Amino acid sequence: MTRILIAEDDTTINGLIKEYLTGRECLCTQAFSGTEAKLLFEMESTKKGFDLVLLDLMLPGMTGEELAVWIREKSQVPIIILSAKTALSDKVELLGSGADDYLTKPFELEELWARIQVQLRHSHREVKETLSYRDWILDPEGRTFTAKGCAVELTLHEFGIVELLVRHPKKVYTKQEIFEAVWQQDYFVEDKTINVHISNIRAKLKKTGTDDYIRTVWGMGFKLAE
């Protein structure tokens, strides 16, 4: 569900936007001043964070301009300015200070929704997933793996095993579960196949001092160390 912060001091406009976006399966948080919006943004940042911010300029407390600059210093979340200011210079200045789009009041909610979708598509394309566990960093898309800052070359199946364990570090995986998840086939090989791959991964990690991150759970399988 898309999480949107609506910073707008006009209660009617704020309410209409929330009602419209809620009907499009967005989770909206309302703020009616700049200081309230800043506090809510900080609180949400400790959780999942907002996916997009709708920001009025004429806010009591912290102004919209100040809030846009503050947000951009801390996050790349898309910011759409909602304002009655129509001067080109105002738009250029705001876009230059970190806002991603500018919608002049009054506006149609359908146009607002279209612009929100554009910004969300852009932000999702820019997000590059990385996985981390202690001193390990994995890039699933680029198939790169570093341990304590050192690049570690893994085969396709070795990388798949490490990725599986890192995505669920507390889970104990049986050899069958590892094989079926990584090889994408029914389990039909001997147990030693997984053992050999785990052994090879540990050998490659030995120089980084992180080879003990993969624990053998006797009689069950493998998991990451606590």
C-alpha atoms as a PDB file:
ATOM      1  CA  MET A   1       0.000   0.000   0.000  1.00  0.00           C
ATOM      2  CA  THR A   2       1.357   3.436  -0.983  1.00  0.00           C
ATOM      3  CA  ARG A   3       2.063   5.629   2.062  1.00  0.00           C
ATOM      4  CA  ILE A   4       1.487   9.351   1.416  1.00  0.00           C
ATOM      5  CA  LEU A   5       2.016  12.340   3.708  1.00  0.00           C
ATOM      6  CA  ILE A   6      -0.443  15.174   2.997  1.00  0.00           C
ATOM      7  CA  ALA A   7       0.866  18.483   4.393  1.00  0.00           C
ATOM      8  CA  GLU A   8      -1.963  20.965   3.782  1.00  0.00           C
ATOM      9  CA  ASP A   9      -3.406  23.417   6.316  1.00  0.00           C
ATOM     10  CA  ASP A  10      -6.736  23.808   4.511  1.00  0.00           C
ATOM     11  CA  THR A  11      -8.792  21.123   6.236  1.00  0.00           C
ATOM     12  CA  THR A  12     -11.272  20.853   3.347  1.00  0.00           C
ATOM     13  CA  ILE A  13      -8.586  20.319   0.700  1.00  0.00           C
ATOM     14  CA  ASN A  14      -6.641  17.972   2.965  1.00  0.00           C
ATOM     15  CA  GLY A  15      -9.762  15.923   3.636  1.00  0.00           C
ATOM     16  CA  LEU A  16     -10.753  15.725  -0.042  1.00  0.00           C
ATOM     17  CA  ILE A  17      -7.285  14.564  -1.055  1.00  0.00           C
ATOM     18  CA  LYS A  18      -7.208  11.936   1.676  1.00  0.00           C
ATOM     19  CA  GLU A  19     -10.665  10.628   0.779  1.00  0.00           C
ATOM     20  CA  TYR A  20      -9.788  10.425  -2.917  1.00  0.00           C
ATOM     21  CA  LEU A  21      -6.418   8.720  -2.417  1.00  0.00           C
ATOM     22  CA  THR A  22      -7.771   6.333   0.219  1.00  0.00           C
ATOM     23  CA  GLY A  23     -10.231   5.163  -2.446  1.00  0.00           C
ATOM     24  CA  ARG A  24      -7.190   4.297  -4.567  1.00  0.00           C
ATOM     25  CA  GLU A  25      -5.750   2.117  -1.824  1.00  0.00           C
ATOM     26  CA  CYS A  26      -3.285   4.699  -0.494  1.00  0.00           C
ATOM     27  CA  LEU A  27      -2.521   5.006   3.204  1.00  0.00           C
ATOM     28  CA  CYS A  28      -2.673   8.740   3.904  1.00  0.00           C
ATOM     29  CA  THR A  29      -1.268  10.611   6.903  1.00  0.00           C
ATOM     30  CA  GLN A  30      -2.542  14.167   7.378  1.00  0.00           C
ATOM     31  CA  ALA A  31      -0.547  17.132   8.648  1.00  0.00           C
ATOM     32  CA  PHE A  32      -1.947  20.652   9.007  1.00  0.00           C
ATOM     33  CA  SER A  33       1.276  22.546   9.704  1.00  0.00           C
ATOM     34  CA  GLY A  34       4.888  22.338   8.637  1.00  0.00           C
ATOM     35  CA  THR A  35       6.098  21.428  12.109  1.00  0.00           C
ATOM     36  CA  GLU A  36       3.520  18.635  12.364  1.00  0.00           C
ATOM     37  CA  ALA A  37       4.539  17.319   8.927  1.00  0.00           C
ATOM     38  CA  LYS A  38       8.210  17.330   9.958  1.00  0.00           C
ATOM     39  CA  LEU A  39       7.428  15.389  13.137  1.00  0.00           C
ATOM     40  CA  LEU A  40       5.297  12.837  11.267  1.00  0.00           C
ATOM     41  CA  PHE A  41       7.986  12.412   8.607  1.00  0.00           C
ATOM     42  CA  GLU A  42      10.625  11.765  11.281  1.00  0.00           C
ATOM     43  CA  MET A  43       8.381   9.250  13.057  1.00  0.00           C
ATOM     44  CA  GLU A  44       7.537   7.370   9.853  1.00  0.00           C
ATOM     45  CA  SER A  45      11.213   7.303   8.816  1.00  0.00           C
ATOM     46  CA  THR A  46      11.916   4.986  11.765  1.00  0.00           C
ATOM     47  CA  LYS A  47       9.405   2.536  10.254  1.00  0.00           C
ATOM     48  CA  LYS A  48       8.802   2.015   6.540  1.00  0.00           C
ATOM     49  CA  GLY A  49       8.929   5.666   5.520  1.00  0.00           C
ATOM     50  CA  PHE A  50       6.569   7.565   3.232  1.00  0.00           C
ATOM     51  CA  ASP A  51       6.462   6.767  -0.498  1.00  0.00           C
ATOM     52  CA  LEU A  52       5.486  10.326  -1.456  1.00  0.00           C
ATOM     53  CA  VAL A  53       4.836  13.755   0.086  1.00  0.00           C
ATOM     54  CA  LEU A  54       2.150  16.238  -1.007  1.00  0.00           C
ATOM     55  CA  LEU A  55       3.276  19.618   0.235  1.00  0.00           C
ATOM     56  CA  ASP A  56       1.447  22.943   0.435  1.00  0.00           C
ATOM     57  CA  LEU A  57       3.685  26.018   0.599  1.00  0.00           C
ATOM     58  CA  MET A  58       1.669  28.302   2.888  1.00  0.00           C
ATOM     59  CA  LEU A  59       1.925  26.185   6.026  1.00  0.00           C
ATOM     60  CA  PRO A  60       1.906  27.554   9.556  1.00  0.00           C
ATOM     61  CA  GLY A  61       5.042  26.908  11.564  1.00  0.00           C
ATOM     62  CA  MET A  62       7.643  25.534   9.190  1.00  0.00           C
ATOM     63  CA  THR A  63       6.925  26.712   5.647  1.00  0.00           C
ATOM     64  CA  GLY A  64       6.525  24.348   2.723  1.00  0.00           C
ATOM     65  CA  GLU A  65       9.735  25.661   1.142  1.00  0.00           C
ATOM     66  CA  GLU A  66      11.693  25.010   4.334  1.00  0.00           C
ATOM     67  CA  LEU A  67      10.154  21.578   4.746  1.00  0.00           C
ATOM     68  CA  ALA A  68      10.965  20.584   1.147  1.00  0.00           C
ATOM     69  CA  VAL A  69      14.634  21.469   1.671  1.00  0.00           C
ATOM     70  CA  TRP A  70      14.717  19.625   5.010  1.00  0.00           C
ATOM     71  CA  ILE A  71      13.121  16.482   3.548  1.00  0.00           C
ATOM     72  CA  ARG A  72      15.463  16.448   0.573  1.00  0.00           C
ATOM     73  CA  GLU A  73      18.486  16.574   2.866  1.00  0.00           C
ATOM     74  CA  LYS A  74      17.301  13.371   4.501  1.00  0.00           C
ATOM     75  CA  SER A  75      15.467  11.423   1.806  1.00  0.00           C
ATOM     76  CA  GLN A  76      14.876  11.001  -1.923  1.00  0.00           C
ATOM     77  CA  VAL A  77      11.123  10.498  -1.414  1.00  0.00           C
ATOM     78  CA  PRO A  78       9.138  12.207  -4.228  1.00  0.00           C
ATOM     79  CA  ILE A  79       7.728  15.619  -3.275  1.00  0.00           C
ATOM     80  CA  ILE A  80       4.808  17.200  -5.149  1.00  0.00           C
ATOM     81  CA  ILE A  81       4.172  20.855  -4.328  1.00  0.00           C
ATOM     82  CA  LEU A  82       0.561  22.028  -4.137  1.00  0.00           C
ATOM     83  CA  SER A  83       0.340  25.822  -4.304  1.00  0.00           C
ATOM     84  CA  ALA A  84      -1.693  28.783  -5.528  1.00  0.00           C
ATOM     85  CA  LYS A  85       1.521  30.468  -6.668  1.00  0.00           C
ATOM     86  CA  THR A  86       1.578  30.523 -10.461  1.00  0.00           C
ATOM     87  CA  ALA A  87       4.757  32.472 -11.250  1.00  0.00           C
ATOM     88  CA  LEU A  88       7.282  30.518 -13.302  1.00  0.00           C
ATOM     89  CA  SER A  89      10.084  31.751 -11.053  1.00  0.00           C
ATOM     90  CA  ASP A  90       8.406  30.151  -8.019  1.00  0.00           C
ATOM     91  CA  LYS A  91       8.106  26.816  -9.789  1.00  0.00           C
ATOM     92  CA  VAL A  92      11.703  26.870 -11.011  1.00  0.00           C
ATOM     93  CA  GLU A  93      13.006  27.749  -7.548  1.00  0.00           C
ATOM     94  CA  LEU A  94      11.083  24.965  -5.851  1.00  0.00           C
ATOM     95  CA  LEU A  95      12.008  22.339  -8.412  1.00  0.00           C
ATOM     96  CA  GLY A  96      15.603  23.422  -8.015  1.00  0.00           C
ATOM     97  CA  SER A  97      15.462  23.050  -4.234  1.00  0.00           C
ATOM     98  CA  GLY A  98      14.365  19.418  -4.304  1.00  0.00           C
ATOM     99  CA  ALA A  99      10.683  19.201  -5.261  1.00  0.00           C
ATOM    100  CA  ASP A 100       9.861  16.715  -8.015  1.00  0.00           C
ATOM    101  CA  ASP A 101       6.657  18.251  -9.363  1.00  0.00           C
ATOM    102  CA  TYR A 102       4.475  21.333  -8.937  1.00  0.00           C
ATOM    103  CA  LEU A 103       0.694  21.422  -9.200  1.00  0.00           C
ATOM    104  CA  THR A 104      -1.089  24.779  -9.197  1.00  0.00           C
ATOM    105  CA  LYS A 105      -4.304  25.224  -7.201  1.00  0.00           C
ATOM    106  CA  PRO A 106      -7.088  24.722  -7.972  1.00  0.00           C
ATOM    107  CA  PHE A 107      -6.472  21.308  -9.505  1.00  0.00           C
ATOM    108  CA  GLU A 108      -8.466  18.220 -10.405  1.00  0.00           C
ATOM    109  CA  LEU A 109      -7.942  15.190  -8.204  1.00  0.00           C
ATOM    110  CA  GLU A 110      -7.604  13.020 -11.311  1.00  0.00           C
ATOM    111  CA  GLU A 111      -4.608  15.082 -12.437  1.00  0.00           C
ATOM    112  CA  LEU A 112      -3.078  14.864  -8.971  1.00  0.00           C
ATOM    113  CA  TRP A 113      -3.429  11.086  -9.063  1.00  0.00           C
ATOM    114  CA  ALA A 114      -1.820  10.926 -12.505  1.00  0.00           C
ATOM    115  CA  ARG A 115       1.157  12.933 -11.267  1.00  0.00           C
ATOM    116  CA  ILE A 116       1.475  10.783  -8.167  1.00  0.00           C
ATOM    117  CA  GLN A 117       1.618   7.660 -10.335  1.00  0.00           C
ATOM    118  CA  VAL A 118       4.357   9.183 -12.500  1.00  0.00           C
ATOM    119  CA  GLN A 119       6.491  10.003  -9.465  1.00  0.00           C
ATOM    120  CA  LEU A 120       5.979   6.562  -7.936  1.00  0.00           C
ATOM    121  CA  ARG A 121       7.025   4.868 -11.183  1.00  0.00           C
ATOM    122  CA  HIS A 122      10.177   6.982 -11.293  1.00  0.00           C
ATOM    123  CA  SER A 123      11.081   6.334  -7.661  1.00  0.00           C
ATOM    124  CA  HIS A 124      10.499   2.584  -7.946  1.00  0.00           C
ATOM    125  CA  ARG A 125      12.795   2.373 -10.970  1.00  0.00           C
ATOM    126  CA  GLU A 126      15.502   4.206  -9.077  1.00  0.00           C
ATOM    127  CA  VAL A 127      15.383   2.003  -6.005  1.00  0.00           C
ATOM    128  CA  LYS A 128      18.119  -0.588  -6.122  1.00  0.00           C
ATOM    129  CA  GLU A 129      17.595  -3.452  -3.729  1.00  0.00           C
ATOM    130  CA  THR A 130      20.548  -4.412  -1.594  1.00  0.00           C
ATOM    131  CA  LEU A 131      20.574  -7.005   1.143  1.00  0.00           C
ATOM    132  CA  SER A 132      22.817  -6.915   4.155  1.00  0.00           C
ATOM    133  CA  TYR A 133      23.659  -9.156   7.070  1.00  0.00           C
ATOM    134  CA  ARG A 134      26.345  -8.112   9.537  1.00  0.00           C
ATOM    135  CA  ASP A 135      29.462  -7.600   7.357  1.00  0.00           C
ATOM    136  CA  TRP A 136      27.846  -8.952   4.175  1.00  0.00           C
ATOM    137  CA  ILE A 137      26.298  -6.859   1.404  1.00  0.00           C
ATOM    138  CA  LEU A 138      24.511  -8.459  -1.559  1.00  0.00           C
ATOM    139  CA  ASP A 139      23.239  -6.858  -4.740  1.00  0.00           C
ATOM    140  CA  PRO A 140      20.742  -9.395  -6.177  1.00  0.00           C
ATOM    141  CA  GLU A 141      20.359  -7.486  -9.439  1.00  0.00           C
ATOM    142  CA  GLY A 142      24.062  -7.066 -10.121  1.00  0.00           C
ATOM    143  CA  ARG A 143      24.928 -10.434  -8.551  1.00  0.00           C
ATOM    144  CA  THR A 144      27.698  -8.933  -6.434  1.00  0.00           C
ATOM    145  CA  PHE A 145      28.648  -9.952  -2.907  1.00  0.00           C
ATOM    146  CA  THR A 146      31.054  -8.295  -0.509  1.00  0.00           C
ATOM    147  CA  ALA A 147      32.141  -9.426   2.939  1.00  0.00           C
ATOM    148  CA  LYS A 148      33.892  -6.896   5.185  1.00  0.00           C
ATOM    149  CA  GLY A 149      34.369  -4.723   2.118  1.00  0.00           C
ATOM    150  CA  CYS A 150      36.044  -7.483   0.078  1.00  0.00           C
ATOM    151  CA  ALA A 151      34.451  -8.716  -3.147  1.00  0.00           C
ATOM    152  CA  VAL A 152      33.707 -12.449  -3.040  1.00  0.00           C
ATOM    153  CA  GLU A 153      33.172 -14.317  -6.308  1.00  0.00           C
ATOM    154  CA  LEU A 154      30.341 -16.836  -6.056  1.00  0.00           C
ATOM    155  CA  THR A 155      28.843 -19.201  -8.597  1.00  0.00           C
ATOM    156  CA  LEU A 156      25.191 -18.801  -9.529  1.00  0.00           C
ATOM    157  CA  HIS A 157      24.034 -21.458  -7.060  1.00  0.00           C
ATOM    158  CA  GLU A 158      26.379 -20.304  -4.306  1.00  0.00           C
ATOM    159  CA  PHE A 159      25.007 -16.773  -4.636  1.00  0.00           C
ATOM    160  CA  GLY A 160      21.469 -18.142  -4.541  1.00  0.00           C
ATOM    161  CA  ILE A 161      22.177 -19.976  -1.289  1.00  0.00           C
ATOM    162  CA  VAL A 162      23.675 -16.904   0.389  1.00  0.00           C
ATOM    163  CA  GLU A 163      20.796 -14.715  -0.824  1.00  0.00           C
ATOM    164  CA  LEU A 164      18.229 -17.196   0.504  1.00  0.00           C
ATOM    165  CA  LEU A 165      19.861 -17.290   3.935  1.00  0.00           C
ATOM    166  CA  VAL A 166      20.245 -13.500   4.140  1.00  0.00           C
ATOM    167  CA  ARG A 167      16.605 -12.869   3.217  1.00  0.00           C
ATOM    168  CA  HIS A 168      15.504 -15.040   6.148  1.00  0.00           C
ATOM    169  CA  PRO A 169      18.406 -15.010   8.637  1.00  0.00           C
ATOM    170  CA  LYS A 170      16.519 -16.642  11.502  1.00  0.00           C
ATOM    171  CA  LYS A 171      15.111 -19.550   9.515  1.00  0.00           C
ATOM    172  CA  VAL A 172      16.695 -22.998   9.504  1.00  0.00           C
ATOM    173  CA  TYR A 173      16.654 -24.327   5.936  1.00  0.00           C
ATOM    174  CA  THR A 174      16.705 -28.019   5.211  1.00  0.00           C
ATOM    175  CA  LYS A 175      18.834 -29.226   2.309  1.00  0.00           C
ATOM    176  CA  GLN A 176      15.662 -29.960   0.375  1.00  0.00           C
ATOM    177  CA  GLU A 177      14.341 -26.421   0.917  1.00  0.00           C
ATOM    178  CA  ILE A 178      17.646 -24.898  -0.197  1.00  0.00           C
ATOM    179  CA  PHE A 179      17.833 -27.040  -3.317  1.00  0.00           C
ATOM    180  CA  GLU A 180      14.239 -26.424  -4.399  1.00  0.00           C
ATOM    181  CA  ALA A 181      14.485 -22.664  -3.767  1.00  0.00           C
ATOM    182  CA  VAL A 182      17.862 -22.150  -5.487  1.00  0.00           C
ATOM    183  CA  TRP A 183      17.826 -24.776  -8.218  1.00  0.00           C
ATOM    184  CA  GLN A 184      14.081 -24.347  -8.869  1.00  0.00           C
ATOM    185  CA  GLN A 185      13.683 -28.105  -9.226  1.00  0.00           C
ATOM    186  CA  ASP A 186      12.303 -30.952  -7.193  1.00  0.00           C
ATOM    187  CA  TYR A 187      14.814 -32.353  -4.705  1.00  0.00           C
ATOM    188  CA  PHE A 188      16.402 -35.412  -6.265  1.00  0.00           C
ATOM    189  CA  VAL A 189      20.138 -35.107  -5.549  1.00  0.00           C
ATOM    190  CA  GLU A 190      22.255 -36.586  -2.772  1.00  0.00           C
ATOM    191  CA  ASP A 191      22.608 -34.645   0.466  1.00  0.00           C
ATOM    192  CA  LYS A 192      26.280 -33.985  -0.210  1.00  0.00           C
ATOM    193  CA  THR A 193      25.417 -31.612  -3.089  1.00  0.00           C
ATOM    194  CA  ILE A 194      24.287 -28.879  -0.678  1.00  0.00           C
ATOM    195  CA  ASN A 195      27.127 -29.721   1.725  1.00  0.00           C
ATOM    196  CA  VAL A 196      29.687 -29.197  -1.041  1.00  0.00           C
ATOM    197  CA  HIS A 197      28.220 -25.819  -2.004  1.00  0.00           C
ATOM    198  CA  ILE A 198      28.140 -24.654   1.629  1.00  0.00           C
ATOM    199  CA  SER A 199      31.731 -25.836   2.057  1.00  0.00           C
ATOM    200  CA  ASN A 200      32.812 -23.916  -1.037  1.00  0.00           C
ATOM    201  CA  ILE A 201      31.081 -20.747   0.190  1.00  0.00           C
ATOM    202  CA  ARG A 202      32.799 -21.012   3.570  1.00  0.00           C
ATOM    203  CA  ALA A 203      36.169 -21.532   1.910  1.00  0.00           C
ATOM    204  CA  LYS A 204      35.721 -18.368  -0.162  1.00  0.00           C
ATOM    205  CA  LEU A 205      34.675 -16.432   2.948  1.00  0.00           C
ATOM    206  CA  LYS A 206      37.571 -17.643   5.102  1.00  0.00           C
ATOM    207  CA  LYS A 207      39.864 -14.794   4.027  1.00  0.00           C
ATOM    208  CA  THR A 208      37.236 -12.282   5.217  1.00  0.00           C
ATOM    209  CA  GLY A 209      36.775 -13.922   8.608  1.00  0.00           C
ATOM    210  CA  THR A 210      33.037 -14.359   8.032  1.00  0.00           C
ATOM    211  CA  ASP A 211      32.977 -18.045   7.129  1.00  0.00           C
ATOM    212  CA  ASP A 212      31.379 -18.812  10.506  1.00  0.00           C
ATOM    213  CA  TYR A 213      28.290 -16.761   9.618  1.00  0.00           C
ATOM    214  CA  ILE A 214      26.739 -19.906   8.109  1.00  0.00           C
ATOM    215  CA  ARG A 215      25.865 -22.363  10.843  1.00  0.00           C
ATOM    216  CA  THR A 216      25.192 -26.066  10.473  1.00  0.00           C
ATOM    217  CA  VAL A 217      22.142 -27.119  12.484  1.00  0.00           C
ATOM    218  CA  TRP A 218      22.791 -30.808  12.915  1.00  0.00           C
ATOM    219  CA  GLY A 219      19.969 -33.049  11.823  1.00  0.00           C
ATOM    220  CA  MET A 220      18.123 -30.124  10.265  1.00  0.00           C
ATOM    221  CA  GLY A 221      20.084 -27.981   7.806  1.00  0.00           C
ATOM    222  CA  PHE A 222      21.658 -24.542   7.734  1.00  0.00           C
ATOM    223  CA  LYS A 223      20.992 -21.021   8.990  1.00  0.00           C
ATOM    224  CA  LEU A 224      22.857 -17.807   9.695  1.00  0.00           C
ATOM    225  CA  ALA A 225      24.527 -17.275  13.045  1.00  0.00           C
ATOM    226  CA  GLU A 226      22.685 -15.112  15.558  1.00  0.00           C
END
